[in-house]
């Protein structure tokens, strides 16, 4: 297993991390790094431990064992300093469906204590690149699934975090909206943002700088998408082959969701 990235100090370091829930080990002795300014994709079947790992990175869960640092700070002991640096979008993000697009964004600007003088710029920026300005007065509950996800992303980005953590943000979203969502993510990466995103769509994994293949709480591969593909035709074949080699009990199981996000 090889890592990928620059020689600079990583923004995120995961060192021998385990997370247990009673007798269940959701994540077992994982180690990896996330380089600043890259997109890292966590891929794998449901139950692989992706969400648990992201929740620990986002300071929502403490590791049972091991250590996670962000910008050199421990996520367990320095939450107060880490939280302003991250934006976290869980699978079920808490939009207020009876509030309009504008009202939801204003609520999150209040939460993040955005200075009043900077709010117009941020509104134009984050509703603008999400193509939500024409719908600014529409209740969030009346938006399509894809538009809701883009509004959720705008709300997460409004305080301009250094690290964006996303847990299967395009699950159930139509292919066009998924493509638009990823165009936003890649534009943020070009601006220097670091992004860690979990997905069960392998076409999205191909858009990342690095992919981490997880299965039953362990890492089976960690490298560029091309390196993880290896001799296989695509990430789907590589993922199935690596999982079946590591866990023969899974032979014949279906791990994937289909989609249609064009290459970058």
C-alpha atoms as a PDB file:
ATOM      1  CA  UNK A   1       0.000   0.000   0.000  1.00  0.00           C
ATOM      2  CA  UNK A   2       1.464   3.321  -1.040  1.00  0.00           C
ATOM      3  CA  UNK A   3       0.432   6.855  -0.279  1.00  0.00           C
ATOM      4  CA  UNK A   4       0.256   9.701  -2.739  1.00  0.00           C
ATOM      5  CA  UNK A   5       0.836  13.421  -2.429  1.00  0.00           C
ATOM      6  CA  UNK A   6       3.436  16.133  -2.071  1.00  0.00           C
ATOM      7  CA  UNK A   7       6.391  16.108   0.290  1.00  0.00           C
ATOM      8  CA  UNK A   8       4.848  18.881   2.404  1.00  0.00           C
ATOM      9  CA  UNK A   9       3.366  18.074   5.794  1.00  0.00           C
ATOM     10  CA  UNK A  10      -0.117  16.551   5.308  1.00  0.00           C
ATOM     11  CA  UNK A  11      -3.185  18.485   6.396  1.00  0.00           C
ATOM     12  CA  UNK A  12      -4.795  15.357   7.894  1.00  0.00           C
ATOM     13  CA  UNK A  13      -2.968  12.462   9.532  1.00  0.00           C
ATOM     14  CA  UNK A  14      -4.691   9.273  10.681  1.00  0.00           C
ATOM     15  CA  UNK A  15      -2.444   7.118  12.838  1.00  0.00           C
ATOM     16  CA  UNK A  16      -3.472   3.599  13.871  1.00  0.00           C
ATOM     17  CA  UNK A  17      -7.098   4.586  14.388  1.00  0.00           C
ATOM     18  CA  UNK A  18      -9.688   2.120  15.643  1.00  0.00           C
ATOM     19  CA  UNK A  19     -13.327   2.845  16.431  1.00  0.00           C
ATOM     20  CA  UNK A  20     -15.497   0.318  18.238  1.00  0.00           C
ATOM     21  CA  UNK A  21     -19.212   0.383  19.013  1.00  0.00           C
ATOM     22  CA  UNK A  22     -19.551  -2.184  21.765  1.00  0.00           C
ATOM     23  CA  UNK A  23     -18.251  -5.445  20.325  1.00  0.00           C
ATOM     24  CA  UNK A  24     -18.409  -4.143  16.746  1.00  0.00           C
ATOM     25  CA  UNK A  25     -15.176  -2.785  15.250  1.00  0.00           C
ATOM     26  CA  UNK A  26     -16.277  -0.315  12.578  1.00  0.00           C
ATOM     27  CA  UNK A  27     -12.735   0.873  11.785  1.00  0.00           C
ATOM     28  CA  UNK A  28      -9.629  -1.106  12.632  1.00  0.00           C
ATOM     29  CA  UNK A  29      -6.117   0.359  12.979  1.00  0.00           C
ATOM     30  CA  UNK A  30      -6.296   2.646   9.949  1.00  0.00           C
ATOM     31  CA  UNK A  31      -3.419   4.910   8.952  1.00  0.00           C
ATOM     32  CA  UNK A  32      -3.400   7.396   6.084  1.00  0.00           C
ATOM     33  CA  UNK A  33      -2.587  11.002   5.241  1.00  0.00           C
ATOM     34  CA  UNK A  34      -4.403  13.700   3.273  1.00  0.00           C
ATOM     35  CA  UNK A  35      -2.233  16.231   1.485  1.00  0.00           C
ATOM     36  CA  UNK A  36      -3.344  19.852   1.374  1.00  0.00           C
ATOM     37  CA  UNK A  37      -5.064  20.935  -1.834  1.00  0.00           C
ATOM     38  CA  UNK A  38      -6.092  17.439  -2.959  1.00  0.00           C
ATOM     39  CA  UNK A  39      -9.346  15.510  -3.319  1.00  0.00           C
ATOM     40  CA  UNK A  40      -9.302  12.178  -1.497  1.00  0.00           C
ATOM     41  CA  UNK A  41     -12.128   9.749  -2.221  1.00  0.00           C
ATOM     42  CA  UNK A  42     -13.147   6.983   0.157  1.00  0.00           C
ATOM     43  CA  UNK A  43     -14.686   4.151  -1.849  1.00  0.00           C
ATOM     44  CA  UNK A  44     -16.119   0.840  -0.774  1.00  0.00           C
ATOM     45  CA  UNK A  45     -19.364  -0.957  -0.093  1.00  0.00           C
ATOM     46  CA  UNK A  46     -21.882   0.016   2.569  1.00  0.00           C
ATOM     47  CA  UNK A  47     -20.542  -0.910   5.995  1.00  0.00           C
ATOM     48  CA  UNK A  48     -16.910  -0.433   4.967  1.00  0.00           C
ATOM     49  CA  UNK A  49     -16.315   2.158   7.710  1.00  0.00           C
ATOM     50  CA  UNK A  50     -16.249   5.245   5.492  1.00  0.00           C
ATOM     51  CA  UNK A  51     -18.828   7.243   7.455  1.00  0.00           C
ATOM     52  CA  UNK A  52     -17.237   6.347  10.779  1.00  0.00           C
ATOM     53  CA  UNK A  53     -13.832   7.518   9.584  1.00  0.00           C
ATOM     54  CA  UNK A  54     -15.270  10.798   8.280  1.00  0.00           C
ATOM     55  CA  UNK A  55     -17.157  11.434  11.513  1.00  0.00           C
ATOM     56  CA  UNK A  56     -13.921  10.997  13.453  1.00  0.00           C
ATOM     57  CA  UNK A  57     -12.131  13.417  11.110  1.00  0.00           C
ATOM     58  CA  UNK A  58     -14.962  15.898  11.637  1.00  0.00           C
ATOM     59  CA  UNK A  59     -14.562  15.696  15.453  1.00  0.00           C
ATOM     60  CA  UNK A  60     -18.015  14.101  15.781  1.00  0.00           C
ATOM     61  CA  UNK A  61     -16.663  10.814  17.165  1.00  0.00           C
ATOM     62  CA  UNK A  62     -13.510  10.196  19.204  1.00  0.00           C
ATOM     63  CA  UNK A  63     -11.289   7.297  18.126  1.00  0.00           C
ATOM     64  CA  UNK A  64     -11.315   4.327  20.476  1.00  0.00           C
ATOM     65  CA  UNK A  65      -7.591   3.975  19.793  1.00  0.00           C
ATOM     66  CA  UNK A  66      -5.082   5.905  17.713  1.00  0.00           C
ATOM     67  CA  UNK A  67      -4.896   9.561  16.777  1.00  0.00           C
ATOM     68  CA  UNK A  68      -6.190  11.922  14.079  1.00  0.00           C
ATOM     69  CA  UNK A  69      -4.663  15.353  13.581  1.00  0.00           C
ATOM     70  CA  UNK A  70      -5.772  18.222  11.354  1.00  0.00           C
ATOM     71  CA  UNK A  71      -3.228  20.975  10.738  1.00  0.00           C
ATOM     72  CA  UNK A  72      -1.163  19.325  13.461  1.00  0.00           C
ATOM     73  CA  UNK A  73      -3.945  19.490  16.061  1.00  0.00           C
ATOM     74  CA  UNK A  74      -5.560  16.474  17.703  1.00  0.00           C
ATOM     75  CA  UNK A  75      -9.271  16.154  16.829  1.00  0.00           C
ATOM     76  CA  UNK A  76     -10.089  14.940  20.328  1.00  0.00           C
ATOM     77  CA  UNK A  77      -8.344  17.614  22.396  1.00  0.00           C
ATOM     78  CA  UNK A  78      -8.400  20.645  20.033  1.00  0.00           C
ATOM     79  CA  UNK A  79     -11.969  20.611  18.717  1.00  0.00           C
ATOM     80  CA  UNK A  80     -12.419  24.314  19.408  1.00  0.00           C
ATOM     81  CA  UNK A  81      -9.563  25.222  17.074  1.00  0.00           C
ATOM     82  CA  UNK A  82     -10.279  22.573  14.437  1.00  0.00           C
ATOM     83  CA  UNK A  83     -14.009  23.176  13.902  1.00  0.00           C
ATOM     84  CA  UNK A  84     -13.548  26.592  12.215  1.00  0.00           C
ATOM     85  CA  UNK A  85     -11.159  24.919   9.739  1.00  0.00           C
ATOM     86  CA  UNK A  86     -13.584  22.246   8.532  1.00  0.00           C
ATOM     87  CA  UNK A  87     -16.873  22.001   6.709  1.00  0.00           C
ATOM     88  CA  UNK A  88     -18.742  18.738   7.302  1.00  0.00           C
ATOM     89  CA  UNK A  89     -21.691  17.537   5.245  1.00  0.00           C
ATOM     90  CA  UNK A  90     -23.158  14.284   6.591  1.00  0.00           C
ATOM     91  CA  UNK A  91     -25.425  12.001   4.598  1.00  0.00           C
ATOM     92  CA  UNK A  92     -28.475  13.708   6.092  1.00  0.00           C
ATOM     93  CA  UNK A  93     -27.640  17.386   6.158  1.00  0.00           C
ATOM     94  CA  UNK A  94     -29.937  19.586   8.260  1.00  0.00           C
ATOM     95  CA  UNK A  95     -31.509  22.023   5.833  1.00  0.00           C
ATOM     96  CA  UNK A  96     -34.629  23.773   7.097  1.00  0.00           C
ATOM     97  CA  UNK A  97     -37.189  22.877   4.449  1.00  0.00           C
ATOM     98  CA  UNK A  98     -39.697  25.557   5.463  1.00  0.00           C
ATOM     99  CA  UNK A  99     -37.026  28.257   5.028  1.00  0.00           C
ATOM    100  CA  UNK A 100     -36.099  29.666   1.637  1.00  0.00           C
ATOM    101  CA  UNK A 101     -32.724  29.212  -0.028  1.00  0.00           C
ATOM    102  CA  UNK A 102     -31.682  32.681   1.144  1.00  0.00           C
ATOM    103  CA  UNK A 103     -32.945  32.082   4.674  1.00  0.00           C
ATOM    104  CA  UNK A 104     -31.059  28.801   4.980  1.00  0.00           C
ATOM    105  CA  UNK A 105     -27.849  30.469   3.834  1.00  0.00           C
ATOM    106  CA  UNK A 106     -28.375  33.380   6.238  1.00  0.00           C
ATOM    107  CA  UNK A 107     -28.958  30.935   9.087  1.00  0.00           C
ATOM    108  CA  UNK A 108     -25.600  29.265   8.467  1.00  0.00           C
ATOM    109  CA  UNK A 109     -23.876  32.635   8.121  1.00  0.00           C
ATOM    110  CA  UNK A 110     -25.292  33.429  11.563  1.00  0.00           C
ATOM    111  CA  UNK A 111     -24.037  30.088  12.919  1.00  0.00           C
ATOM    112  CA  UNK A 112     -20.550  30.762  11.575  1.00  0.00           C
ATOM    113  CA  UNK A 113     -20.651  34.428  12.657  1.00  0.00           C
ATOM    114  CA  UNK A 114     -19.849  35.762   9.179  1.00  0.00           C
ATOM    115  CA  UNK A 115     -19.245  39.535   9.344  1.00  0.00           C
ATOM    116  CA  UNK A 116     -22.187  41.510   7.884  1.00  0.00           C
ATOM    117  CA  UNK A 117     -19.948  43.365   5.450  1.00  0.00           C
ATOM    118  CA  UNK A 118     -18.816  40.072   3.880  1.00  0.00           C
ATOM    119  CA  UNK A 119     -22.221  38.435   3.604  1.00  0.00           C
ATOM    120  CA  UNK A 120     -23.288  39.858   0.205  1.00  0.00           C
ATOM    121  CA  UNK A 121     -20.082  38.588  -1.434  1.00  0.00           C
ATOM    122  CA  UNK A 122     -20.449  35.140   0.072  1.00  0.00           C
ATOM    123  CA  UNK A 123     -24.109  34.938  -0.920  1.00  0.00           C
ATOM    124  CA  UNK A 124     -23.291  35.826  -4.520  1.00  0.00           C
ATOM    125  CA  UNK A 125     -20.347  33.419  -4.570  1.00  0.00           C
ATOM    126  CA  UNK A 126     -21.918  30.319  -3.059  1.00  0.00           C
ATOM    127  CA  UNK A 127     -25.428  30.611  -4.450  1.00  0.00           C
ATOM    128  CA  UNK A 128     -23.884  31.760  -7.722  1.00  0.00           C
ATOM    129  CA  UNK A 129     -21.649  28.790  -8.467  1.00  0.00           C
ATOM    130  CA  UNK A 130     -24.414  26.483  -7.209  1.00  0.00           C
ATOM    131  CA  UNK A 131     -26.798  28.041  -9.776  1.00  0.00           C
ATOM    132  CA  UNK A 132     -29.247  28.769  -6.959  1.00  0.00           C
ATOM    133  CA  UNK A 133     -29.543  32.547  -7.257  1.00  0.00           C
ATOM    134  CA  UNK A 134     -32.643  32.310  -9.485  1.00  0.00           C
ATOM    135  CA  UNK A 135     -34.280  30.197  -6.751  1.00  0.00           C
ATOM    136  CA  UNK A 136     -33.228  32.333  -3.769  1.00  0.00           C
ATOM    137  CA  UNK A 137     -36.819  32.803  -2.532  1.00  0.00           C
ATOM    138  CA  UNK A 138     -37.923  29.183  -3.011  1.00  0.00           C
ATOM    139  CA  UNK A 139     -38.460  27.048   0.122  1.00  0.00           C
ATOM    140  CA  UNK A 140     -35.773  24.407   0.459  1.00  0.00           C
ATOM    141  CA  UNK A 141     -38.477  21.747   0.702  1.00  0.00           C
ATOM    142  CA  UNK A 142     -39.625  22.631  -2.825  1.00  0.00           C
ATOM    143  CA  UNK A 143     -36.174  22.061  -4.376  1.00  0.00           C
ATOM    144  CA  UNK A 144     -35.214  18.951  -6.319  1.00  0.00           C
ATOM    145  CA  UNK A 145     -32.882  16.447  -4.667  1.00  0.00           C
ATOM    146  CA  UNK A 146     -29.896  17.728  -6.602  1.00  0.00           C
ATOM    147  CA  UNK A 147     -30.660  21.361  -5.778  1.00  0.00           C
ATOM    148  CA  UNK A 148     -31.032  20.509  -2.090  1.00  0.00           C
ATOM    149  CA  UNK A 149     -27.572  18.945  -2.114  1.00  0.00           C
ATOM    150  CA  UNK A 150     -26.083  21.998  -3.808  1.00  0.00           C
ATOM    151  CA  UNK A 151     -27.754  24.263  -1.237  1.00  0.00           C
ATOM    152  CA  UNK A 152     -26.391  22.065   1.554  1.00  0.00           C
ATOM    153  CA  UNK A 153     -22.930  22.368   0.026  1.00  0.00           C
ATOM    154  CA  UNK A 154     -23.260  26.155  -0.229  1.00  0.00           C
ATOM    155  CA  UNK A 155     -24.211  26.283   3.465  1.00  0.00           C
ATOM    156  CA  UNK A 156     -21.200  24.155   4.404  1.00  0.00           C
ATOM    157  CA  UNK A 157     -18.858  26.279   2.295  1.00  0.00           C
ATOM    158  CA  UNK A 158     -20.135  29.679   3.393  1.00  0.00           C
ATOM    159  CA  UNK A 159     -17.526  30.013   6.163  1.00  0.00           C
ATOM    160  CA  UNK A 160     -14.797  29.068   3.624  1.00  0.00           C
ATOM    161  CA  UNK A 161     -13.206  26.096   5.410  1.00  0.00           C
ATOM    162  CA  UNK A 162      -9.751  24.759   4.645  1.00  0.00           C
ATOM    163  CA  UNK A 163     -10.950  21.141   4.801  1.00  0.00           C
ATOM    164  CA  UNK A 164     -14.256  19.941   3.338  1.00  0.00           C
ATOM    165  CA  UNK A 165     -15.559  16.558   4.557  1.00  0.00           C
ATOM    166  CA  UNK A 166     -18.460  15.044   2.609  1.00  0.00           C
ATOM    167  CA  UNK A 167     -20.247  11.762   3.322  1.00  0.00           C
ATOM    168  CA  UNK A 168     -21.801  10.338   0.124  1.00  0.00           C
ATOM    169  CA  UNK A 169     -23.132  13.778  -0.876  1.00  0.00           C
ATOM    170  CA  UNK A 170     -24.537  12.644  -4.242  1.00  0.00           C
ATOM    171  CA  UNK A 171     -26.312   9.501  -3.062  1.00  0.00           C
ATOM    172  CA  UNK A 172     -29.617   9.289  -4.948  1.00  0.00           C
ATOM    173  CA  UNK A 173     -28.961  12.442  -6.987  1.00  0.00           C
ATOM    174  CA  UNK A 174     -29.576  12.450 -10.741  1.00  0.00           C
ATOM    175  CA  UNK A 175     -26.536  12.259 -13.068  1.00  0.00           C
ATOM    176  CA  UNK A 176     -26.751  15.883 -14.245  1.00  0.00           C
ATOM    177  CA  UNK A 177     -26.852  17.218 -10.692  1.00  0.00           C
ATOM    178  CA  UNK A 178     -24.018  14.888  -9.714  1.00  0.00           C
ATOM    179  CA  UNK A 179     -21.886  16.302 -12.515  1.00  0.00           C
ATOM    180  CA  UNK A 180     -22.670  19.870 -11.457  1.00  0.00           C
ATOM    181  CA  UNK A 181     -21.903  19.014  -7.828  1.00  0.00           C
ATOM    182  CA  UNK A 182     -18.499  17.633  -8.800  1.00  0.00           C
ATOM    183  CA  UNK A 183     -17.761  20.670 -10.959  1.00  0.00           C
ATOM    184  CA  UNK A 184     -18.197  22.736  -7.786  1.00  0.00           C
ATOM    185  CA  UNK A 185     -15.906  20.439  -5.797  1.00  0.00           C
ATOM    186  CA  UNK A 186     -13.170  20.494  -8.418  1.00  0.00           C
ATOM    187  CA  UNK A 187     -13.403  24.287  -8.676  1.00  0.00           C
ATOM    188  CA  UNK A 188     -12.856  24.500  -4.913  1.00  0.00           C
ATOM    189  CA  UNK A 189      -9.872  22.178  -5.207  1.00  0.00           C
ATOM    190  CA  UNK A 190      -8.375  24.464  -7.840  1.00  0.00           C
ATOM    191  CA  UNK A 191      -8.718  27.292  -5.291  1.00  0.00           C
ATOM    192  CA  UNK A 192      -6.643  25.278  -2.817  1.00  0.00           C
ATOM    193  CA  UNK A 193      -9.324  23.593  -0.713  1.00  0.00           C
ATOM    194  CA  UNK A 194      -8.678  20.089   0.613  1.00  0.00           C
ATOM    195  CA  UNK A 195     -11.589  17.685   0.176  1.00  0.00           C
ATOM    196  CA  UNK A 196     -12.256  14.246   1.664  1.00  0.00           C
ATOM    197  CA  UNK A 197     -15.373  12.642   0.192  1.00  0.00           C
ATOM    198  CA  UNK A 198     -16.916   9.204   0.480  1.00  0.00           C
ATOM    199  CA  UNK A 199     -18.800   7.724  -2.442  1.00  0.00           C
ATOM    200  CA  UNK A 200     -20.203   4.452  -3.663  1.00  0.00           C
ATOM    201  CA  UNK A 201     -20.099   5.735  -7.262  1.00  0.00           C
ATOM    202  CA  UNK A 202     -16.869   4.557  -8.841  1.00  0.00           C
ATOM    203  CA  UNK A 203     -16.996   7.151 -11.633  1.00  0.00           C
ATOM    204  CA  UNK A 204     -16.687   9.791  -8.893  1.00  0.00           C
ATOM    205  CA  UNK A 205     -13.683   7.990  -7.443  1.00  0.00           C
ATOM    206  CA  UNK A 206     -11.938   8.457 -10.781  1.00  0.00           C
ATOM    207  CA  UNK A 207     -12.225  12.245 -10.365  1.00  0.00           C
ATOM    208  CA  UNK A 208     -10.193  12.231  -7.151  1.00  0.00           C
ATOM    209  CA  UNK A 209      -6.447  12.754  -6.807  1.00  0.00           C
ATOM    210  CA  UNK A 210      -6.275   9.815  -4.404  1.00  0.00           C
ATOM    211  CA  UNK A 211      -8.680   6.967  -3.665  1.00  0.00           C
ATOM    212  CA  UNK A 212      -8.810   4.923  -0.475  1.00  0.00           C
ATOM    213  CA  UNK A 213     -10.521   1.571  -0.940  1.00  0.00           C
ATOM    214  CA  UNK A 214     -12.084   0.393   2.333  1.00  0.00           C
ATOM    215  CA  UNK A 215     -13.690  -2.906   3.241  1.00  0.00           C
ATOM    216  CA  UNK A 216     -14.941  -4.070   6.644  1.00  0.00           C
ATOM    217  CA  UNK A 217     -13.114  -1.261   8.424  1.00  0.00           C
ATOM    218  CA  UNK A 218      -9.755  -1.800   6.720  1.00  0.00           C
ATOM    219  CA  UNK A 219      -7.857  -0.145   3.869  1.00  0.00           C
ATOM    220  CA  UNK A 220      -7.255  -2.432   0.897  1.00  0.00           C
ATOM    221  CA  UNK A 221      -5.682   0.189  -1.394  1.00  0.00           C
ATOM    222  CA  UNK A 222      -4.562   3.820  -1.132  1.00  0.00           C
ATOM    223  CA  UNK A 223      -3.142   5.521  -4.205  1.00  0.00           C
ATOM    224  CA  UNK A 224      -4.024   7.418  -7.373  1.00  0.00           C
ATOM    225  CA  UNK A 225      -7.076   6.091  -9.257  1.00  0.00           C
ATOM    226  CA  UNK A 226      -4.835   4.831 -12.078  1.00  0.00           C
ATOM    227  CA  UNK A 227      -2.545   3.012  -9.667  1.00  0.00           C
ATOM    228  CA  UNK A 228      -5.480   1.417  -7.857  1.00  0.00           C
ATOM    229  CA  UNK A 229      -6.896   0.259 -11.190  1.00  0.00           C
ATOM    230  CA  UNK A 230      -3.613  -1.518 -11.914  1.00  0.00           C
ATOM    231  CA  UNK A 231      -4.121  -4.181 -14.579  1.00  0.00           C
ATOM    232  CA  UNK A 232      -7.894  -3.912 -14.341  1.00  0.00           C
ATOM    233  CA  UNK A 233      -9.967  -1.995 -16.850  1.00  0.00           C
ATOM    234  CA  UNK A 234     -11.531   0.413 -14.369  1.00  0.00           C
ATOM    235  CA  UNK A 235     -12.043   1.094 -10.686  1.00  0.00           C
ATOM    236  CA  UNK A 236     -15.090  -1.155 -10.558  1.00  0.00           C
ATOM    237  CA  UNK A 237     -13.137  -4.211 -11.669  1.00  0.00           C
ATOM    238  CA  UNK A 238     -10.209  -3.299  -9.421  1.00  0.00           C
ATOM    239  CA  UNK A 239     -12.450  -2.804  -6.393  1.00  0.00           C
ATOM    240  CA  UNK A 240     -14.260  -6.101  -6.879  1.00  0.00           C
ATOM    241  CA  UNK A 241     -11.010  -8.003  -7.438  1.00  0.00           C
ATOM    242  CA  UNK A 242      -9.312  -6.517  -4.367  1.00  0.00           C
ATOM    243  CA  UNK A 243     -12.319  -7.098  -2.104  1.00  0.00           C
ATOM    244  CA  UNK A 244     -12.802 -10.679  -3.274  1.00  0.00           C
ATOM    245  CA  UNK A 245      -9.084 -11.386  -2.818  1.00  0.00           C
ATOM    246  CA  UNK A 246      -9.158  -9.990   0.725  1.00  0.00           C
ATOM    247  CA  UNK A 247     -12.538 -11.490   1.635  1.00  0.00           C
ATOM    248  CA  UNK A 248     -13.567 -14.524  -0.484  1.00  0.00           C
ATOM    249  CA  UNK A 249     -16.948 -14.574   1.291  1.00  0.00           C
ATOM    250  CA  UNK A 250     -17.982 -11.565  -0.794  1.00  0.00           C
ATOM    251  CA  UNK A 251     -17.607 -13.270  -4.188  1.00  0.00           C
ATOM    252  CA  UNK A 252     -20.626 -12.525  -6.336  1.00  0.00           C
ATOM    253  CA  UNK A 253     -21.945  -9.687  -4.160  1.00  0.00           C
ATOM    254  CA  UNK A 254     -22.892  -6.358  -5.708  1.00  0.00           C
ATOM    255  CA  UNK A 255     -20.998  -3.413  -4.188  1.00  0.00           C
ATOM    256  CA  UNK A 256     -21.696  -0.564  -6.557  1.00  0.00           C
ATOM    257  CA  UNK A 257     -24.160   2.091  -7.579  1.00  0.00           C
ATOM    258  CA  UNK A 258     -24.321   3.142 -11.198  1.00  0.00           C
ATOM    259  CA  UNK A 259     -24.150   6.738 -12.317  1.00  0.00           C
ATOM    260  CA  UNK A 260     -22.809   8.960 -15.041  1.00  0.00           C
ATOM    261  CA  UNK A 261     -20.325  11.642 -14.104  1.00  0.00           C
ATOM    262  CA  UNK A 262     -18.091  12.487 -17.072  1.00  0.00           C
ATOM    263  CA  UNK A 263     -14.368  12.714 -16.559  1.00  0.00           C
ATOM    264  CA  UNK A 264     -12.866  16.037 -15.570  1.00  0.00           C
END
